[in-house]
N, C-alpha and C. Protein backbone atom coordinates (compact mmCIF):
# COMPACT_ATOMS: atom_id res chain seq x y z
N MET A 1 -14.60 29.43 -32.48
CA MET A 1 -15.06 28.69 -31.41
C MET A 1 -15.36 29.50 -30.20
N ALA A 2 -16.45 29.26 -29.53
CA ALA A 2 -16.85 30.18 -28.48
C ALA A 2 -15.91 29.92 -27.30
N ARG A 3 -15.73 30.99 -26.58
CA ARG A 3 -14.86 30.93 -25.37
C ARG A 3 -15.70 30.69 -24.15
N LEU A 4 -15.21 29.71 -23.30
CA LEU A 4 -15.99 29.30 -22.11
C LEU A 4 -15.58 30.08 -20.90
N MET A 5 -16.47 30.50 -20.04
CA MET A 5 -16.19 31.23 -18.88
C MET A 5 -15.59 30.26 -17.86
N PRO A 6 -14.80 30.71 -16.93
CA PRO A 6 -14.18 29.85 -15.90
C PRO A 6 -15.24 28.98 -15.13
N GLY A 7 -16.36 29.53 -14.78
CA GLY A 7 -17.37 28.81 -14.06
C GLY A 7 -17.92 27.65 -14.91
N MET A 8 -18.09 27.90 -16.20
CA MET A 8 -18.63 26.88 -17.13
C MET A 8 -17.62 25.78 -17.26
N MET A 9 -16.30 26.12 -17.28
CA MET A 9 -15.27 25.07 -17.36
C MET A 9 -15.31 24.21 -16.18
N ARG A 10 -15.44 24.79 -14.98
CA ARG A 10 -15.45 23.92 -13.79
C ARG A 10 -16.73 23.02 -13.83
N CYS A 11 -17.82 23.53 -14.28
CA CYS A 11 -18.98 22.80 -14.39
C CYS A 11 -18.80 21.60 -15.41
N LEU A 12 -18.24 21.88 -16.55
CA LEU A 12 -17.99 20.87 -17.53
C LEU A 12 -17.02 19.82 -17.04
N ALA A 13 -16.01 20.24 -16.23
CA ALA A 13 -15.06 19.28 -15.68
C ALA A 13 -15.77 18.39 -14.67
N ALA A 14 -16.65 18.95 -13.84
CA ALA A 14 -17.34 18.17 -12.92
C ALA A 14 -18.23 17.12 -13.59
N VAL A 15 -18.94 17.50 -14.60
CA VAL A 15 -19.79 16.56 -15.46
C VAL A 15 -18.89 15.51 -16.05
N LEU A 16 -17.72 15.82 -16.58
CA LEU A 16 -16.78 14.89 -17.07
C LEU A 16 -16.38 13.87 -16.03
N VAL A 17 -16.05 14.26 -14.86
CA VAL A 17 -15.64 13.42 -13.75
C VAL A 17 -16.68 12.50 -13.43
N LEU A 18 -17.96 13.05 -13.16
CA LEU A 18 -19.09 12.24 -12.78
C LEU A 18 -19.39 11.21 -13.82
N THR A 19 -19.30 11.57 -15.06
CA THR A 19 -19.58 10.63 -16.19
C THR A 19 -18.57 9.46 -16.11
N CYS A 20 -17.35 9.76 -15.91
CA CYS A 20 -16.26 8.78 -15.86
C CYS A 20 -16.50 7.84 -14.66
N LEU A 21 -16.89 8.42 -13.48
CA LEU A 21 -17.15 7.63 -12.32
C LEU A 21 -18.37 6.71 -12.51
N ALA A 22 -19.31 7.13 -13.28
CA ALA A 22 -20.43 6.25 -13.54
C ALA A 22 -20.08 5.08 -14.36
N LEU A 23 -19.06 5.13 -15.07
CA LEU A 23 -18.64 4.01 -15.93
C LEU A 23 -17.69 2.99 -15.26
N VAL A 24 -17.20 3.37 -14.01
CA VAL A 24 -16.36 2.55 -13.21
C VAL A 24 -17.18 1.49 -12.51
N PRO A 25 -16.89 0.25 -12.56
CA PRO A 25 -17.66 -0.72 -11.82
C PRO A 25 -17.73 -0.49 -10.34
N GLN A 26 -18.82 -0.83 -9.69
CA GLN A 26 -18.97 -0.54 -8.23
C GLN A 26 -17.83 -1.25 -7.45
N ALA A 27 -17.34 -2.43 -7.87
CA ALA A 27 -16.26 -3.08 -7.13
C ALA A 27 -15.07 -2.18 -6.99
N ALA A 28 -14.89 -1.27 -7.83
CA ALA A 28 -13.69 -0.41 -7.73
C ALA A 28 -13.82 0.51 -6.53
N PHE A 29 -15.08 0.68 -6.01
CA PHE A 29 -15.29 1.52 -4.86
C PHE A 29 -15.24 0.80 -3.56
N ALA A 30 -15.02 -0.50 -3.61
CA ALA A 30 -14.91 -1.26 -2.38
C ALA A 30 -13.75 -0.74 -1.58
N GLN A 31 -13.65 -1.19 -0.33
CA GLN A 31 -12.63 -0.69 0.47
C GLN A 31 -11.29 -0.81 -0.18
N THR A 32 -10.61 0.33 -0.38
CA THR A 32 -9.33 0.27 -1.11
C THR A 32 -8.22 -0.24 -0.32
N SER A 33 -8.36 -0.06 1.01
CA SER A 33 -7.30 -0.52 1.90
C SER A 33 -7.35 -2.06 1.93
N GLN A 34 -6.21 -2.70 2.10
CA GLN A 34 -6.19 -4.17 2.25
C GLN A 34 -6.31 -4.49 3.74
N THR A 35 -6.47 -3.46 4.57
CA THR A 35 -6.61 -3.75 5.98
C THR A 35 -7.89 -3.04 6.48
N GLY A 36 -8.70 -3.77 7.28
CA GLY A 36 -9.95 -3.24 7.73
C GLY A 36 -9.71 -2.51 9.08
N SER A 37 -10.83 -2.05 9.69
CA SER A 37 -10.65 -1.27 10.92
C SER A 37 -10.15 -2.12 12.05
N SER A 38 -10.26 -3.50 11.91
CA SER A 38 -9.72 -4.43 12.84
C SER A 38 -8.22 -4.57 12.77
N GLY A 39 -7.57 -4.07 11.69
CA GLY A 39 -6.17 -4.29 11.42
C GLY A 39 -5.94 -5.58 10.63
N LEU A 40 -6.95 -6.36 10.34
CA LEU A 40 -6.88 -7.58 9.66
C LEU A 40 -7.21 -7.39 8.15
N PRO A 41 -6.72 -8.30 7.28
CA PRO A 41 -7.02 -8.10 5.90
C PRO A 41 -8.50 -8.18 5.53
N VAL A 42 -8.85 -7.41 4.50
CA VAL A 42 -10.22 -7.47 3.97
C VAL A 42 -10.06 -7.52 2.46
N PRO A 43 -10.69 -8.52 1.80
CA PRO A 43 -11.55 -9.56 2.31
C PRO A 43 -10.72 -10.73 2.95
N ARG A 44 -11.45 -11.53 3.72
CA ARG A 44 -10.87 -12.72 4.35
C ARG A 44 -12.03 -13.65 4.78
N PHE A 45 -11.66 -14.94 4.87
CA PHE A 45 -12.66 -15.92 5.30
C PHE A 45 -12.59 -16.16 6.79
N VAL A 46 -13.73 -16.39 7.39
CA VAL A 46 -13.85 -16.67 8.83
C VAL A 46 -15.03 -17.67 8.90
N SER A 47 -15.36 -18.06 10.10
CA SER A 47 -16.55 -18.98 10.19
C SER A 47 -17.44 -18.41 11.31
N LEU A 48 -18.69 -18.91 11.33
CA LEU A 48 -19.67 -18.48 12.36
C LEU A 48 -19.33 -19.18 13.65
N LYS A 49 -19.38 -18.41 14.74
CA LYS A 49 -18.98 -19.01 16.06
C LYS A 49 -20.10 -19.77 16.76
N SER A 50 -21.33 -19.31 16.45
CA SER A 50 -22.55 -19.78 17.20
C SER A 50 -23.48 -20.55 16.31
N ASP A 51 -24.34 -21.35 16.95
CA ASP A 51 -25.44 -22.05 16.17
C ASP A 51 -26.55 -21.10 15.78
N ARG A 52 -26.56 -19.88 16.31
CA ARG A 52 -27.56 -18.96 16.05
C ARG A 52 -26.96 -17.55 15.84
N VAL A 53 -26.88 -17.14 14.58
CA VAL A 53 -26.24 -15.83 14.22
C VAL A 53 -27.22 -15.00 13.34
N ASN A 54 -27.67 -13.89 13.93
CA ASN A 54 -28.50 -12.95 13.26
C ASN A 54 -27.70 -12.14 12.25
N ILE A 55 -28.15 -11.96 11.02
CA ILE A 55 -27.62 -11.18 9.98
C ILE A 55 -28.50 -9.98 9.81
N ARG A 56 -27.87 -8.78 10.01
CA ARG A 56 -28.65 -7.54 9.90
C ARG A 56 -28.43 -6.85 8.59
N ILE A 57 -29.40 -5.99 8.24
CA ILE A 57 -29.31 -5.32 6.93
C ILE A 57 -28.45 -4.12 7.06
N GLY A 58 -27.91 -3.80 8.18
CA GLY A 58 -27.03 -2.66 8.42
C GLY A 58 -26.17 -2.84 9.62
N PRO A 59 -25.10 -2.03 9.80
CA PRO A 59 -24.15 -2.30 10.88
C PRO A 59 -24.47 -1.70 12.27
N THR A 60 -25.67 -1.96 12.73
CA THR A 60 -26.06 -1.58 14.12
C THR A 60 -27.07 -2.57 14.61
N ARG A 61 -27.34 -2.63 15.87
CA ARG A 61 -28.36 -3.53 16.48
C ARG A 61 -29.77 -2.94 16.09
N GLU A 62 -29.89 -1.61 15.71
CA GLU A 62 -31.09 -1.04 15.40
C GLU A 62 -31.60 -1.45 13.97
N HIS A 63 -30.66 -1.99 13.15
CA HIS A 63 -31.06 -2.44 11.84
C HIS A 63 -31.76 -3.80 11.90
N ALA A 64 -32.76 -3.99 11.05
CA ALA A 64 -33.58 -5.23 11.08
C ALA A 64 -32.70 -6.45 10.80
N VAL A 65 -33.15 -7.56 11.40
CA VAL A 65 -32.54 -8.87 11.07
C VAL A 65 -33.07 -9.30 9.71
N GLY A 66 -32.12 -9.55 8.79
CA GLY A 66 -32.50 -10.05 7.46
C GLY A 66 -32.76 -11.57 7.45
N TRP A 67 -31.93 -12.28 8.15
CA TRP A 67 -32.05 -13.71 8.27
C TRP A 67 -31.14 -14.21 9.42
N THR A 68 -31.27 -15.48 9.75
CA THR A 68 -30.50 -16.09 10.85
C THR A 68 -29.84 -17.39 10.35
N TYR A 69 -28.55 -17.45 10.62
CA TYR A 69 -27.88 -18.77 10.33
C TYR A 69 -28.05 -19.63 11.56
N VAL A 70 -28.24 -20.93 11.40
CA VAL A 70 -28.48 -21.81 12.52
C VAL A 70 -27.45 -22.93 12.61
N GLN A 71 -26.28 -22.76 12.09
CA GLN A 71 -25.21 -23.78 12.11
C GLN A 71 -23.89 -23.19 12.36
N ALA A 72 -23.24 -23.47 13.52
CA ALA A 72 -21.90 -22.97 13.85
C ALA A 72 -20.94 -23.56 12.83
N GLY A 73 -19.88 -22.82 12.59
CA GLY A 73 -18.77 -23.25 11.76
C GLY A 73 -18.94 -22.98 10.26
N LEU A 74 -20.09 -22.47 9.79
CA LEU A 74 -20.19 -22.16 8.36
C LEU A 74 -19.20 -21.06 7.95
N PRO A 75 -18.56 -21.28 6.78
CA PRO A 75 -17.66 -20.27 6.37
C PRO A 75 -18.35 -19.09 5.67
N VAL A 76 -17.77 -17.94 5.98
CA VAL A 76 -18.32 -16.71 5.39
C VAL A 76 -17.12 -15.81 5.03
N GLU A 77 -17.32 -14.84 4.12
CA GLU A 77 -16.22 -13.98 3.71
C GLU A 77 -16.51 -12.63 4.24
N ILE A 78 -15.62 -12.03 5.02
CA ILE A 78 -15.75 -10.63 5.43
C ILE A 78 -15.32 -9.81 4.25
N ILE A 79 -16.20 -8.94 3.82
CA ILE A 79 -15.95 -8.09 2.63
C ILE A 79 -15.89 -6.60 3.06
N GLN A 80 -16.29 -6.25 4.28
CA GLN A 80 -16.17 -4.88 4.72
C GLN A 80 -16.24 -4.81 6.23
N GLU A 81 -15.64 -3.80 6.84
CA GLU A 81 -15.69 -3.63 8.25
C GLU A 81 -16.11 -2.22 8.61
N PHE A 82 -16.96 -2.10 9.60
CA PHE A 82 -17.36 -0.82 10.14
C PHE A 82 -17.41 -0.92 11.64
N GLU A 83 -16.45 -0.26 12.29
CA GLU A 83 -16.34 -0.36 13.76
C GLU A 83 -16.28 -1.78 14.15
N ASN A 84 -17.24 -2.34 15.01
CA ASN A 84 -17.23 -3.70 15.42
C ASN A 84 -18.18 -4.58 14.59
N TRP A 85 -18.62 -4.11 13.46
CA TRP A 85 -19.46 -4.82 12.59
C TRP A 85 -18.72 -5.32 11.35
N ARG A 86 -19.07 -6.49 10.89
CA ARG A 86 -18.50 -7.07 9.71
C ARG A 86 -19.55 -7.36 8.66
N ARG A 87 -19.31 -6.89 7.42
CA ARG A 87 -20.20 -7.26 6.32
C ARG A 87 -19.71 -8.54 5.76
N ILE A 88 -20.54 -9.53 5.71
CA ILE A 88 -20.14 -10.87 5.28
C ILE A 88 -20.93 -11.26 3.98
N ARG A 89 -20.34 -12.28 3.31
CA ARG A 89 -20.99 -12.86 2.15
C ARG A 89 -20.91 -14.32 2.29
N ASP A 90 -21.98 -15.04 1.97
CA ASP A 90 -21.93 -16.54 2.09
C ASP A 90 -21.76 -17.08 0.71
N TRP A 91 -21.74 -18.41 0.60
CA TRP A 91 -21.57 -19.11 -0.67
C TRP A 91 -22.54 -18.82 -1.72
N GLU A 92 -23.76 -18.46 -1.27
CA GLU A 92 -24.76 -18.07 -2.29
C GLU A 92 -24.78 -16.64 -2.70
N GLY A 93 -23.81 -15.85 -2.11
CA GLY A 93 -23.72 -14.44 -2.49
C GLY A 93 -24.52 -13.50 -1.61
N LYS A 94 -25.19 -14.09 -0.65
CA LYS A 94 -26.03 -13.22 0.26
C LYS A 94 -25.10 -12.40 1.14
N GLU A 95 -25.38 -11.12 1.32
CA GLU A 95 -24.62 -10.23 2.11
C GLU A 95 -25.41 -9.66 3.21
N GLY A 96 -24.74 -9.43 4.30
CA GLY A 96 -25.38 -8.76 5.54
C GLY A 96 -24.26 -8.43 6.54
N TRP A 97 -24.72 -7.86 7.71
CA TRP A 97 -23.88 -7.39 8.70
C TRP A 97 -24.03 -8.21 9.95
N VAL A 98 -22.92 -8.60 10.58
CA VAL A 98 -22.88 -9.37 11.81
C VAL A 98 -21.88 -8.71 12.79
N TYR A 99 -22.22 -8.85 14.07
CA TYR A 99 -21.32 -8.23 15.16
C TYR A 99 -20.08 -9.15 15.23
N HIS A 100 -18.96 -8.52 15.33
CA HIS A 100 -17.65 -9.24 15.21
C HIS A 100 -17.49 -10.42 16.16
N SER A 101 -18.08 -10.33 17.36
CA SER A 101 -17.86 -11.40 18.34
C SER A 101 -18.59 -12.70 17.94
N LEU A 102 -19.45 -12.67 16.97
CA LEU A 102 -20.14 -13.87 16.48
C LEU A 102 -19.33 -14.63 15.41
N LEU A 103 -18.08 -14.18 15.12
CA LEU A 103 -17.29 -14.71 14.07
C LEU A 103 -16.02 -15.32 14.72
N SER A 104 -15.56 -16.32 14.06
CA SER A 104 -14.32 -17.00 14.54
C SER A 104 -13.29 -17.01 13.47
N GLY A 105 -11.98 -16.94 13.84
CA GLY A 105 -10.89 -17.08 12.88
C GLY A 105 -10.65 -18.47 12.39
N ARG A 106 -11.41 -19.47 12.97
CA ARG A 106 -11.22 -20.90 12.65
C ARG A 106 -11.62 -21.05 11.15
N ARG A 107 -10.79 -21.70 10.41
CA ARG A 107 -11.03 -21.86 9.00
C ARG A 107 -11.81 -23.17 8.67
N THR A 108 -12.95 -22.94 8.05
CA THR A 108 -13.79 -24.06 7.62
C THR A 108 -14.10 -23.87 6.12
N ALA A 109 -14.67 -24.86 5.47
CA ALA A 109 -15.04 -24.73 4.11
C ALA A 109 -16.21 -25.63 3.81
N LEU A 110 -16.95 -25.29 2.85
CA LEU A 110 -18.01 -26.09 2.25
C LEU A 110 -17.54 -26.73 1.04
N VAL A 111 -17.77 -28.03 0.90
CA VAL A 111 -17.39 -28.79 -0.31
C VAL A 111 -18.41 -28.53 -1.42
N THR A 112 -17.93 -28.04 -2.52
CA THR A 112 -18.71 -27.75 -3.70
C THR A 112 -20.19 -27.42 -3.51
N PRO A 113 -20.45 -26.36 -2.73
CA PRO A 113 -21.81 -26.06 -2.44
C PRO A 113 -22.63 -25.63 -3.65
N TRP A 114 -21.94 -25.27 -4.77
CA TRP A 114 -22.54 -24.78 -5.97
C TRP A 114 -22.95 -25.92 -6.84
N GLU A 115 -22.67 -27.16 -6.51
CA GLU A 115 -23.02 -28.34 -7.29
C GLU A 115 -24.03 -29.21 -6.57
N ALA A 116 -25.13 -29.48 -7.13
CA ALA A 116 -26.10 -30.45 -6.48
C ALA A 116 -25.65 -31.84 -6.73
N ASP A 117 -25.71 -32.63 -5.69
CA ASP A 117 -25.43 -34.08 -5.83
C ASP A 117 -23.99 -34.39 -6.32
N ALA A 118 -23.10 -33.54 -6.01
CA ALA A 118 -21.69 -33.75 -6.45
C ALA A 118 -21.00 -34.77 -5.47
N ALA A 119 -20.05 -35.54 -5.95
CA ALA A 119 -19.28 -36.42 -5.15
C ALA A 119 -17.84 -36.03 -5.41
N THR A 120 -17.20 -35.43 -4.36
CA THR A 120 -15.82 -34.95 -4.54
C THR A 120 -14.81 -35.87 -3.81
N PRO A 121 -13.81 -36.31 -4.51
CA PRO A 121 -12.82 -37.19 -3.90
C PRO A 121 -11.89 -36.51 -2.85
N ILE A 122 -11.72 -37.25 -1.80
CA ILE A 122 -10.67 -36.77 -0.81
C ILE A 122 -9.55 -37.85 -0.92
N ARG A 123 -8.34 -37.26 -1.05
CA ARG A 123 -7.25 -38.12 -1.38
C ARG A 123 -6.25 -38.28 -0.25
N ALA A 124 -5.49 -39.34 -0.26
CA ALA A 124 -4.47 -39.63 0.78
C ALA A 124 -3.27 -38.66 0.68
N THR A 125 -2.99 -38.22 -0.47
CA THR A 125 -1.88 -37.28 -0.76
C THR A 125 -2.38 -36.12 -1.62
N PRO A 126 -1.69 -35.00 -1.61
CA PRO A 126 -2.13 -33.87 -2.42
C PRO A 126 -1.70 -33.90 -3.88
N LYS A 127 -2.27 -34.97 -4.52
CA LYS A 127 -2.02 -35.22 -5.92
C LYS A 127 -3.29 -35.72 -6.59
N SER A 128 -3.51 -35.28 -7.81
CA SER A 128 -4.67 -35.72 -8.51
C SER A 128 -4.83 -37.21 -8.71
N ASP A 129 -3.69 -37.94 -8.69
CA ASP A 129 -3.70 -39.32 -8.83
C ASP A 129 -3.51 -40.04 -7.48
N GLY A 130 -3.63 -39.33 -6.41
CA GLY A 130 -3.55 -39.91 -5.06
C GLY A 130 -4.70 -40.83 -4.76
N VAL A 131 -4.54 -41.78 -3.85
CA VAL A 131 -5.53 -42.77 -3.50
C VAL A 131 -6.72 -42.01 -2.90
N VAL A 132 -7.92 -42.36 -3.35
CA VAL A 132 -9.17 -41.81 -2.88
C VAL A 132 -9.51 -42.52 -1.55
N VAL A 133 -9.59 -41.72 -0.45
CA VAL A 133 -9.88 -42.20 0.82
C VAL A 133 -11.36 -42.00 1.23
N ALA A 134 -11.98 -41.11 0.55
CA ALA A 134 -13.38 -40.77 0.85
C ALA A 134 -13.96 -39.99 -0.29
N GLU A 135 -15.31 -39.93 -0.41
CA GLU A 135 -15.96 -38.98 -1.33
C GLU A 135 -16.99 -38.28 -0.48
N LEU A 136 -16.98 -36.92 -0.70
CA LEU A 136 -17.85 -36.10 0.07
C LEU A 136 -18.95 -35.50 -0.85
N LYS A 137 -20.12 -35.45 -0.37
CA LYS A 137 -21.23 -34.83 -1.05
C LYS A 137 -21.19 -33.37 -0.97
N SER A 138 -21.95 -32.67 -1.86
CA SER A 138 -22.00 -31.30 -1.91
C SER A 138 -22.49 -30.72 -0.55
N ARG A 139 -21.87 -29.59 -0.10
CA ARG A 139 -22.22 -28.87 1.12
C ARG A 139 -21.78 -29.55 2.38
N VAL A 140 -20.92 -30.51 2.34
CA VAL A 140 -20.31 -31.04 3.53
C VAL A 140 -19.47 -30.02 4.18
N LEU A 141 -19.58 -29.77 5.44
CA LEU A 141 -18.79 -28.74 6.19
C LEU A 141 -17.45 -29.42 6.67
N ALA A 142 -16.27 -28.83 6.30
CA ALA A 142 -15.03 -29.36 6.71
C ALA A 142 -14.18 -28.39 7.50
N THR A 143 -13.30 -28.85 8.30
CA THR A 143 -12.30 -28.01 8.98
C THR A 143 -11.12 -27.97 8.04
N VAL A 144 -10.56 -26.84 7.82
CA VAL A 144 -9.34 -26.70 6.90
C VAL A 144 -8.13 -26.70 7.80
N ASP A 145 -7.23 -27.70 7.61
CA ASP A 145 -6.02 -27.75 8.40
C ASP A 145 -4.87 -26.90 7.74
N LYS A 146 -4.73 -27.09 6.41
CA LYS A 146 -3.76 -26.31 5.68
C LYS A 146 -4.02 -26.37 4.16
N CYS A 147 -3.51 -25.41 3.44
CA CYS A 147 -3.59 -25.40 2.03
C CYS A 147 -2.30 -25.00 1.44
N ASP A 148 -1.89 -25.64 0.26
CA ASP A 148 -0.67 -25.31 -0.41
C ASP A 148 -0.66 -25.89 -1.73
N ASP A 149 -0.16 -25.17 -2.73
CA ASP A 149 0.04 -25.63 -4.07
C ASP A 149 -1.33 -26.14 -4.70
N GLY A 150 -2.40 -25.53 -4.36
CA GLY A 150 -3.70 -25.92 -4.94
C GLY A 150 -4.47 -27.09 -4.30
N TRP A 151 -3.92 -27.53 -3.13
CA TRP A 151 -4.58 -28.62 -2.37
C TRP A 151 -4.80 -28.18 -0.97
N CYS A 152 -5.81 -28.65 -0.27
CA CYS A 152 -6.15 -28.37 1.08
C CYS A 152 -6.30 -29.70 1.91
N ARG A 153 -5.69 -29.75 3.01
CA ARG A 153 -5.93 -30.79 3.97
C ARG A 153 -7.10 -30.46 4.79
N ILE A 154 -8.11 -31.34 4.71
CA ILE A 154 -9.35 -31.08 5.49
C ILE A 154 -9.67 -32.28 6.37
N HIS A 155 -10.49 -32.08 7.38
CA HIS A 155 -10.93 -33.19 8.09
C HIS A 155 -12.41 -32.91 8.68
N GLY A 156 -13.09 -33.99 9.02
CA GLY A 156 -14.38 -33.85 9.59
C GLY A 156 -14.83 -35.24 10.14
N LYS A 157 -16.02 -35.37 10.48
CA LYS A 157 -16.47 -36.69 11.01
C LYS A 157 -16.37 -37.73 9.97
N GLY A 158 -15.46 -38.67 10.18
CA GLY A 158 -15.30 -39.84 9.34
C GLY A 158 -14.41 -39.68 8.16
N TYR A 159 -13.73 -38.54 7.98
CA TYR A 159 -12.80 -38.38 6.87
C TYR A 159 -11.64 -37.43 7.22
N ASP A 160 -10.55 -37.64 6.55
CA ASP A 160 -9.33 -36.77 6.74
C ASP A 160 -8.46 -37.03 5.46
N GLY A 161 -8.20 -35.99 4.77
CA GLY A 161 -7.39 -36.09 3.61
C GLY A 161 -7.21 -34.79 2.82
N TRP A 162 -6.85 -34.90 1.53
CA TRP A 162 -6.56 -33.77 0.71
C TRP A 162 -7.64 -33.56 -0.37
N ILE A 163 -7.94 -32.30 -0.69
CA ILE A 163 -8.95 -32.00 -1.60
C ILE A 163 -8.45 -30.89 -2.56
N ASP A 164 -8.87 -30.97 -3.86
CA ASP A 164 -8.54 -29.84 -4.76
C ASP A 164 -9.06 -28.58 -4.25
N GLN A 165 -8.29 -27.55 -4.06
CA GLN A 165 -8.70 -26.29 -3.43
C GLN A 165 -9.83 -25.59 -4.14
N THR A 166 -9.95 -25.85 -5.50
CA THR A 166 -11.01 -25.17 -6.25
C THR A 166 -12.37 -25.83 -5.89
N ARG A 167 -12.44 -26.86 -5.10
CA ARG A 167 -13.63 -27.56 -4.78
C ARG A 167 -14.20 -27.06 -3.47
N LEU A 168 -13.63 -26.02 -2.91
CA LEU A 168 -14.09 -25.55 -1.60
C LEU A 168 -14.53 -24.05 -1.65
N PHE A 169 -15.57 -23.77 -0.87
CA PHE A 169 -15.98 -22.37 -0.55
C PHE A 169 -15.43 -22.15 0.86
N GLY A 170 -14.55 -21.21 1.05
CA GLY A 170 -13.95 -20.94 2.36
C GLY A 170 -12.49 -20.69 2.30
N VAL A 171 -11.91 -20.89 1.17
CA VAL A 171 -10.47 -20.62 0.84
C VAL A 171 -10.43 -19.95 -0.50
N TYR A 172 -9.40 -19.15 -0.67
CA TYR A 172 -9.21 -18.46 -1.95
C TYR A 172 -8.40 -19.34 -2.85
N PRO A 173 -8.55 -19.20 -4.19
CA PRO A 173 -7.72 -19.97 -5.09
C PRO A 173 -6.26 -19.69 -4.80
N ASN A 174 -5.46 -20.70 -4.68
CA ASN A 174 -4.02 -20.64 -4.40
C ASN A 174 -3.66 -20.01 -3.14
N GLU A 175 -4.60 -19.89 -2.22
CA GLU A 175 -4.25 -19.35 -0.86
C GLU A 175 -3.40 -20.41 -0.10
N THR A 176 -2.42 -19.94 0.61
CA THR A 176 -1.62 -20.78 1.48
C THR A 176 -2.14 -20.65 2.87
N ILE A 177 -2.39 -21.75 3.56
CA ILE A 177 -2.81 -21.73 4.98
C ILE A 177 -1.94 -22.78 5.67
N ASP A 178 -1.25 -22.30 6.77
CA ASP A 178 -0.36 -23.16 7.54
C ASP A 178 -1.07 -23.74 8.78
């Protein structure tokens, strides 16, 4: 067997490392810290503070506006932080950057935005056999009061009750909110 020179061994080691890194999913390179530059957890859900929020393609005002949200209160997920900028993702999976002051810690959620023409029951108690007090259509925006044991208490114009947590975009599965 041929003997390798030290320089060739380093080169082979580097190739091996790069090959292994190429096989690792990109998600593994996401922010490894559970805390962002703000000192708050990443990822986390927040809501839009204003009726007009520009989403940029990068974390500066010099980056182009990719699109604009026109409804305050929409839930978005912060997936990365860079100085005072937050990379967010919406229920459709679209990602972009927004200045931190345009976001609110107020918890909101969209009811089954992934289902067209869905009717989701709102119950009087946090039980699957609880009395149905309302039915909400897909993409109704709700304020989240609390979540526990797979149920969330939500309210909005004309309704107040409990919903199965898996029917919401804006809270994590089994997340507890007080």
